């Protein structure tokens, strides 16, 4: 697993997301662990390195 830190765009709390490097392109929705608002994650991994990581408010 790869550790990636991010700030929630709702509550601005810094959080940790564990990423499975065996899946190159990932898109999923999860609730923020602090404020419980939904977040959309878009992640691209290449050769066990996170090449792209974005977290957005749903609908934006």
PDB file of N, CA and C in Angstrom:
ATOM      1  N   UNK A   1       0.839  -1.182   0.000  1.00  0.00           N
ATOM      2  CA  UNK A   1       0.000   0.000   0.000  1.00  0.00           C
ATOM      3  C   UNK A   1       0.888   1.252   0.000  1.00  0.00           C
ATOM      4  N   UNK A   2       0.399   2.271  -0.670  1.00  0.00           N
ATOM      5  CA  UNK A   2       1.098   3.555  -0.742  1.00  0.00           C
ATOM      6  C   UNK A   2       0.331   4.565   0.100  1.00  0.00           C
ATOM      7  N   UNK A   3       1.045   5.328   0.915  1.00  0.00           N
ATOM      8  CA  UNK A   3       0.420   6.362   1.732  1.00  0.00           C
ATOM      9  C   UNK A   3       0.361   7.670   0.949  1.00  0.00           C
ATOM     10  N   UNK A   4      -0.817   8.293   0.949  1.00  0.00           N
ATOM     11  CA  UNK A   4      -0.990   9.588   0.288  1.00  0.00           C
ATOM     12  C   UNK A   4      -1.798  10.496   1.218  1.00  0.00           C
ATOM     13  N   UNK A   5      -1.244  11.646   1.532  1.00  0.00           N
ATOM     14  CA  UNK A   5      -1.951  12.604   2.383  1.00  0.00           C
ATOM     15  C   UNK A   5      -2.690  13.615   1.507  1.00  0.00           C
ATOM     16  N   UNK A   6      -3.836  14.076   1.991  1.00  0.00           N
ATOM     17  CA  UNK A   6      -4.635  15.068   1.270  1.00  0.00           C
ATOM     18  C   UNK A   6      -5.435  15.893   2.273  1.00  0.00           C
ATOM     19  N   UNK A   7      -5.889  17.062   1.823  1.00  0.00           N
ATOM     20  CA  UNK A   7      -6.773  17.903   2.619  1.00  0.00           C
ATOM     21  C   UNK A   7      -8.186  17.772   2.084  1.00  0.00           C
ATOM     22  N   UNK A   8      -9.136  17.510   2.967  1.00  0.00           N
ATOM     23  CA  UNK A   8     -10.539  17.425   2.567  1.00  0.00           C
ATOM     24  C   UNK A   8     -10.983  18.800   2.066  1.00  0.00           C
ATOM     25  N   UNK A   9     -11.613  18.872   0.876  1.00  0.00           N
ATOM     26  CA  UNK A   9     -12.070  20.166   0.364  1.00  0.00           C
ATOM     27  C   UNK A   9     -13.304  20.713   1.095  1.00  0.00           C
ATOM     28  N   UNK A  10     -13.884  19.923   1.998  1.00  0.00           N
ATOM     29  CA  UNK A  10     -15.020  20.383   2.809  1.00  0.00           C
ATOM     30  C   UNK A  10     -14.535  20.983   4.133  1.00  0.00           C
ATOM     31  N   UNK A  11     -13.777  20.204   4.898  1.00  0.00           N
ATOM     32  CA  UNK A  11     -13.393  20.622   6.258  1.00  0.00           C
ATOM     33  C   UNK A  11     -11.921  20.996   6.379  1.00  0.00           C
ATOM     34  N   UNK A  12     -11.131  20.788   5.323  1.00  0.00           N
ATOM     35  CA  UNK A  12      -9.711  21.145   5.246  1.00  0.00           C
ATOM     36  C   UNK A  12      -8.818  20.379   6.217  1.00  0.00           C
ATOM     37  N   UNK A  13      -9.303  19.266   6.753  1.00  0.00           N
ATOM     38  CA  UNK A  13      -8.485  18.436   7.632  1.00  0.00           C
ATOM     39  C   UNK A  13      -7.543  17.569   6.801  1.00  0.00           C
ATOM     40  N   UNK A  14      -6.287  17.523   7.196  1.00  0.00           N
ATOM     41  CA  UNK A  14      -5.303  16.685   6.530  1.00  0.00           C
ATOM     42  C   UNK A  14      -5.549  15.241   6.927  1.00  0.00           C
ATOM     43  N   UNK A  15      -5.598  14.354   5.930  1.00  0.00           N
ATOM     44  CA  UNK A  15      -5.923  12.952   6.170  1.00  0.00           C
ATOM     45  C   UNK A  15      -5.011  12.047   5.353  1.00  0.00           C
ATOM     46  N   UNK A  16      -5.010  10.786   5.716  1.00  0.00           N
ATOM     47  CA  UNK A  16      -4.208   9.771   5.042  1.00  0.00           C
ATOM     48  C   UNK A  16      -5.117   8.833   4.264  1.00  0.00           C
ATOM     49  N   UNK A  17      -4.752   8.559   3.006  1.00  0.00           N
ATOM     50  CA  UNK A  17      -5.448   7.572   2.190  1.00  0.00           C
ATOM     51  C   UNK A  17      -4.422   6.512   1.803  1.00  0.00           C
ATOM     52  N   UNK A  18      -4.756   5.248   2.005  1.00  0.00           N
ATOM     53  CA  UNK A  18      -3.904   4.140   1.578  1.00  0.00           C
ATOM     54  C   UNK A  18      -4.344   3.697   0.189  1.00  0.00           C
ATOM     55  N   UNK A  19      -3.382   3.607  -0.725  1.00  0.00           N
ATOM     56  CA  UNK A  19      -3.672   3.308  -2.125  1.00  0.00           C
ATOM     57  C   UNK A  19      -3.070   1.965  -2.510  1.00  0.00           C
ATOM     58  N   UNK A  20      -3.880   1.154  -3.157  1.00  0.00           N
ATOM     59  CA  UNK A  20      -3.429  -0.144  -3.653  1.00  0.00           C
ATOM     60  C   UNK A  20      -2.676   0.070  -4.965  1.00  0.00           C
ATOM     61  N   UNK A  21      -1.363  -0.148  -5.001  1.00  0.00           N
ATOM     62  CA  UNK A  21      -0.588   0.110  -6.216  1.00  0.00           C
ATOM     63  C   UNK A  21      -0.799  -0.909  -7.335  1.00  0.00           C
ATOM     64  N   UNK A  22      -1.522  -1.998  -7.066  1.00  0.00           N
ATOM     65  CA  UNK A  22      -1.753  -3.005  -8.105  1.00  0.00           C
ATOM     66  C   UNK A  22      -2.849  -2.574  -9.088  1.00  0.00           C
ATOM     67  N   UNK A  23      -3.571  -1.477  -8.777  1.00  0.00           N
ATOM     68  CA  UNK A  23      -4.616  -0.958  -9.662  1.00  0.00           C
ATOM     69  C   UNK A  23      -4.130   0.383 -10.215  1.00  0.00           C
ATOM     70  N   UNK A  24      -3.869   0.445 -11.514  1.00  0.00           N
ATOM     71  CA  UNK A  24      -3.281   1.645 -12.118  1.00  0.00           C
ATOM     72  C   UNK A  24      -4.197   2.859 -12.073  1.00  0.00           C
ATOM     73  N   UNK A  25      -5.422   2.701 -12.507  1.00  0.00           N
ATOM     74  CA  UNK A  25      -6.356   3.814 -12.590  1.00  0.00           C
ATOM     75  C   UNK A  25      -7.529   3.556 -11.650  1.00  0.00           C
ATOM     76  N   UNK A  26      -7.750   4.487 -10.723  1.00  0.00           N
ATOM     77  CA  UNK A  26      -8.793   4.292  -9.714  1.00  0.00           C
ATOM     78  C   UNK A  26      -9.686   5.528  -9.634  1.00  0.00           C
ATOM     79  N   UNK A  27     -10.993   5.318  -9.563  1.00  0.00           N
ATOM     80  CA  UNK A  27     -11.955   6.373  -9.331  1.00  0.00           C
ATOM     81  C   UNK A  27     -12.998   5.811  -8.383  1.00  0.00           C
ATOM     82  N   UNK A  28     -13.178   6.481  -7.239  1.00  0.00           N
ATOM     83  CA  UNK A  28     -14.167   5.998  -6.274  1.00  0.00           C
ATOM     84  C   UNK A  28     -14.662   7.157  -5.429  1.00  0.00           C
ATOM     85  N   UNK A  29     -15.797   6.932  -4.772  1.00  0.00           N
ATOM     86  CA  UNK A  29     -16.401   7.927  -3.886  1.00  0.00           C
ATOM     87  C   UNK A  29     -16.374   7.368  -2.473  1.00  0.00           C
ATOM     88  N   UNK A  30     -15.911   8.192  -1.541  1.00  0.00           N
ATOM     89  CA  UNK A  30     -15.875   7.837  -0.123  1.00  0.00           C
ATOM     90  C   UNK A  30     -16.239   9.054   0.699  1.00  0.00           C
ATOM     91  N   UNK A  31     -16.800   8.825   1.874  1.00  0.00           N
ATOM     92  CA  UNK A  31     -17.085   9.929   2.782  1.00  0.00           C
ATOM     93  C   UNK A  31     -15.817  10.328   3.523  1.00  0.00           C
ATOM     94  N   UNK A  32     -15.670  11.622   3.777  1.00  0.00           N
ATOM     95  CA  UNK A  32     -14.566  12.129   4.588  1.00  0.00           C
ATOM     96  C   UNK A  32     -14.655  11.496   5.970  1.00  0.00           C
ATOM     97  N   UNK A  33     -13.531  11.062   6.500  1.00  0.00           N
ATOM     98  CA  UNK A  33     -13.515  10.423   7.815  1.00  0.00           C
ATOM     99  C   UNK A  33     -13.741  11.411   8.949  1.00  0.00           C
ATOM    100  N   UNK A  34     -13.614  12.712   8.682  1.00  0.00           N
ATOM    101  CA  UNK A  34     -13.787  13.733   9.715  1.00  0.00           C
ATOM    102  C   UNK A  34     -15.187  14.344   9.656  1.00  0.00           C
ATOM    103  N   UNK A  35     -15.566  14.877   8.480  1.00  0.00           N
ATOM    104  CA  UNK A  35     -16.841  15.607   8.382  1.00  0.00           C
ATOM    105  C   UNK A  35     -17.959  14.807   7.716  1.00  0.00           C
ATOM    106  N   UNK A  36     -17.649  13.636   7.180  1.00  0.00           N
ATOM    107  CA  UNK A  36     -18.618  12.699   6.579  1.00  0.00           C
ATOM    108  C   UNK A  36     -19.232  13.175   5.260  1.00  0.00           C
ATOM    109  N   UNK A  37     -18.705  14.228   4.651  1.00  0.00           N
ATOM    110  CA  UNK A  37     -19.183  14.665   3.344  1.00  0.00           C
ATOM    111  C   UNK A  37     -18.568  13.783   2.258  1.00  0.00           C
ATOM    112  N   UNK A  38     -19.289  13.568   1.149  1.00  0.00           N
ATOM    113  CA  UNK A  38     -18.774  12.692   0.088  1.00  0.00           C
ATOM    114  C   UNK A  38     -17.652  13.347  -0.703  1.00  0.00           C
ATOM    115  N   UNK A  39     -16.661  12.512  -1.058  1.00  0.00           N
ATOM    116  CA  UNK A  39     -15.506  12.953  -1.832  1.00  0.00           C
ATOM    117  C   UNK A  39     -15.304  12.009  -3.007  1.00  0.00           C
ATOM    118  N   UNK A  40     -14.892  12.569  -4.144  1.00  0.00           N
ATOM    119  CA  UNK A  40     -14.566  11.759  -5.313  1.00  0.00           C
ATOM    120  C   UNK A  40     -13.050  11.725  -5.468  1.00  0.00           C
ATOM    121  N   UNK A  41     -12.484  10.531  -5.461  1.00  0.00           N
ATOM    122  CA  UNK A  41     -11.046  10.333  -5.616  1.00  0.00           C
ATOM    123  C   UNK A  41     -10.749   9.851  -7.031  1.00  0.00           C
ATOM    124  N   UNK A  42      -9.748  10.453  -7.662  1.00  0.00           N
ATOM    125  CA  UNK A  42      -9.235  10.010  -8.964  1.00  0.00           C
ATOM    126  C   UNK A  42      -7.736   9.839  -8.801  1.00  0.00           C
ATOM    127  N   UNK A  43      -7.273   8.601  -9.010  1.00  0.00           N
ATOM    128  CA  UNK A  43      -5.879   8.264  -8.719  1.00  0.00           C
ATOM    129  C   UNK A  43      -5.295   7.479  -9.889  1.00  0.00           C
ATOM    130  N   UNK A  44      -4.054   7.818 -10.241  1.00  0.00           N
ATOM    131  CA  UNK A  44      -3.334   7.037 -11.245  1.00  0.00           C
ATOM    132  C   UNK A  44      -1.984   6.644 -10.664  1.00  0.00           C
ATOM    133  N   UNK A  45      -1.689   5.330 -10.725  1.00  0.00           N
ATOM    134  CA  UNK A  45      -0.446   4.780 -10.176  1.00  0.00           C
ATOM    135  C   UNK A  45       0.333   4.114 -11.312  1.00  0.00           C
ATOM    136  N   UNK A  46       1.641   4.382 -11.352  1.00  0.00           N
ATOM    137  CA  UNK A  46       2.506   3.755 -12.350  1.00  0.00           C
ATOM    138  C   UNK A  46       3.782   3.293 -11.665  1.00  0.00           C
ATOM    139  N   UNK A  47       4.087   2.029 -11.796  1.00  0.00           N
ATOM    140  CA  UNK A  47       5.284   1.429 -11.215  1.00  0.00           C
ATOM    141  C   UNK A  47       5.436   1.771  -9.724  1.00  0.00           C
ATOM    142  N   UNK A  48       4.345   1.567  -8.997  1.00  0.00           N
ATOM    143  CA  UNK A  48       4.285   1.784  -7.540  1.00  0.00           C
ATOM    144  C   UNK A  48       4.518   3.231  -7.112  1.00  0.00           C
ATOM    145  N   UNK A  49       4.272   4.173  -8.028  1.00  0.00           N
ATOM    146  CA  UNK A  49       4.385   5.600  -7.710  1.00  0.00           C
ATOM    147  C   UNK A  49       3.057   6.269  -8.071  1.00  0.00           C
ATOM    148  N   UNK A  50       2.535   7.086  -7.161  1.00  0.00           N
ATOM    149  CA  UNK A  50       1.314   7.827  -7.440  1.00  0.00           C
ATOM    150  C   UNK A  50       1.664   8.965  -8.403  1.00  0.00           C
ATOM    151  N   UNK A  51       1.183   8.859  -9.635  1.00  0.00           N
ATOM    152  CA  UNK A  51       1.452   9.866 -10.658  1.00  0.00           C
ATOM    153  C   UNK A  51       0.443  11.007 -10.596  1.00  0.00           C
ATOM    154  N   UNK A  52      -0.802  10.677 -10.222  1.00  0.00           N
ATOM    155  CA  UNK A  52      -1.846  11.679 -10.139  1.00  0.00           C
ATOM    156  C   UNK A  52      -2.797  11.319  -9.010  1.00  0.00           C
ATOM    157  N   UNK A  53      -3.158  12.330  -8.203  1.00  0.00           N
ATOM    158  CA  UNK A  53      -4.072  12.111  -7.078  1.00  0.00           C
ATOM    159  C   UNK A  53      -4.912  13.377  -6.924  1.00  0.00           C
ATOM    160  N   UNK A  54      -6.211  13.263  -7.176  1.00  0.00           N
ATOM    161  CA  UNK A  54      -7.108  14.395  -6.954  1.00  0.00           C
ATOM    162  C   UNK A  54      -8.273  13.949  -6.095  1.00  0.00           C
ATOM    163  N   UNK A  55      -8.734  14.868  -5.261  1.00  0.00           N
ATOM    164  CA  UNK A  55      -9.915  14.637  -4.434  1.00  0.00           C
ATOM    165  C   UNK A  55     -10.810  15.862  -4.602  1.00  0.00           C
ATOM    166  N   UNK A  56     -12.059  15.627  -4.993  1.00  0.00           N
ATOM    167  CA  UNK A  56     -12.975  16.710  -5.307  1.00  0.00           C
ATOM    168  C   UNK A  56     -14.296  16.552  -4.573  1.00  0.00           C
ATOM    169  N   UNK A  57     -14.965  17.682  -4.428  1.00  0.00           N
ATOM    170  CA  UNK A  57     -16.342  17.684  -3.930  1.00  0.00           C
ATOM    171  C   UNK A  57     -17.206  17.088  -5.025  1.00  0.00           C
ATOM    172  N   UNK A  58     -18.163  16.245  -4.665  1.00  0.00           N
ATOM    173  CA  UNK A  58     -19.049  15.611  -5.644  1.00  0.00           C
ATOM    174  C   UNK A  58     -19.823  16.685  -6.401  1.00  0.00           C
ATOM    175  N   UNK A  59     -19.844  16.565  -7.735  1.00  0.00           N
ATOM    176  CA  UNK A  59     -20.605  17.487  -8.569  1.00  0.00           C
ATOM    177  C   UNK A  59     -19.828  18.708  -9.015  1.00  0.00           C
ATOM    178  N   UNK A  60     -18.549  18.782  -8.692  1.00  0.00           N
ATOM    179  CA  UNK A  60     -17.763  19.934  -9.139  1.00  0.00           C
ATOM    180  C   UNK A  60     -16.713  19.512 -10.132  1.00  0.00           C
TER     181      UNK A  60
END
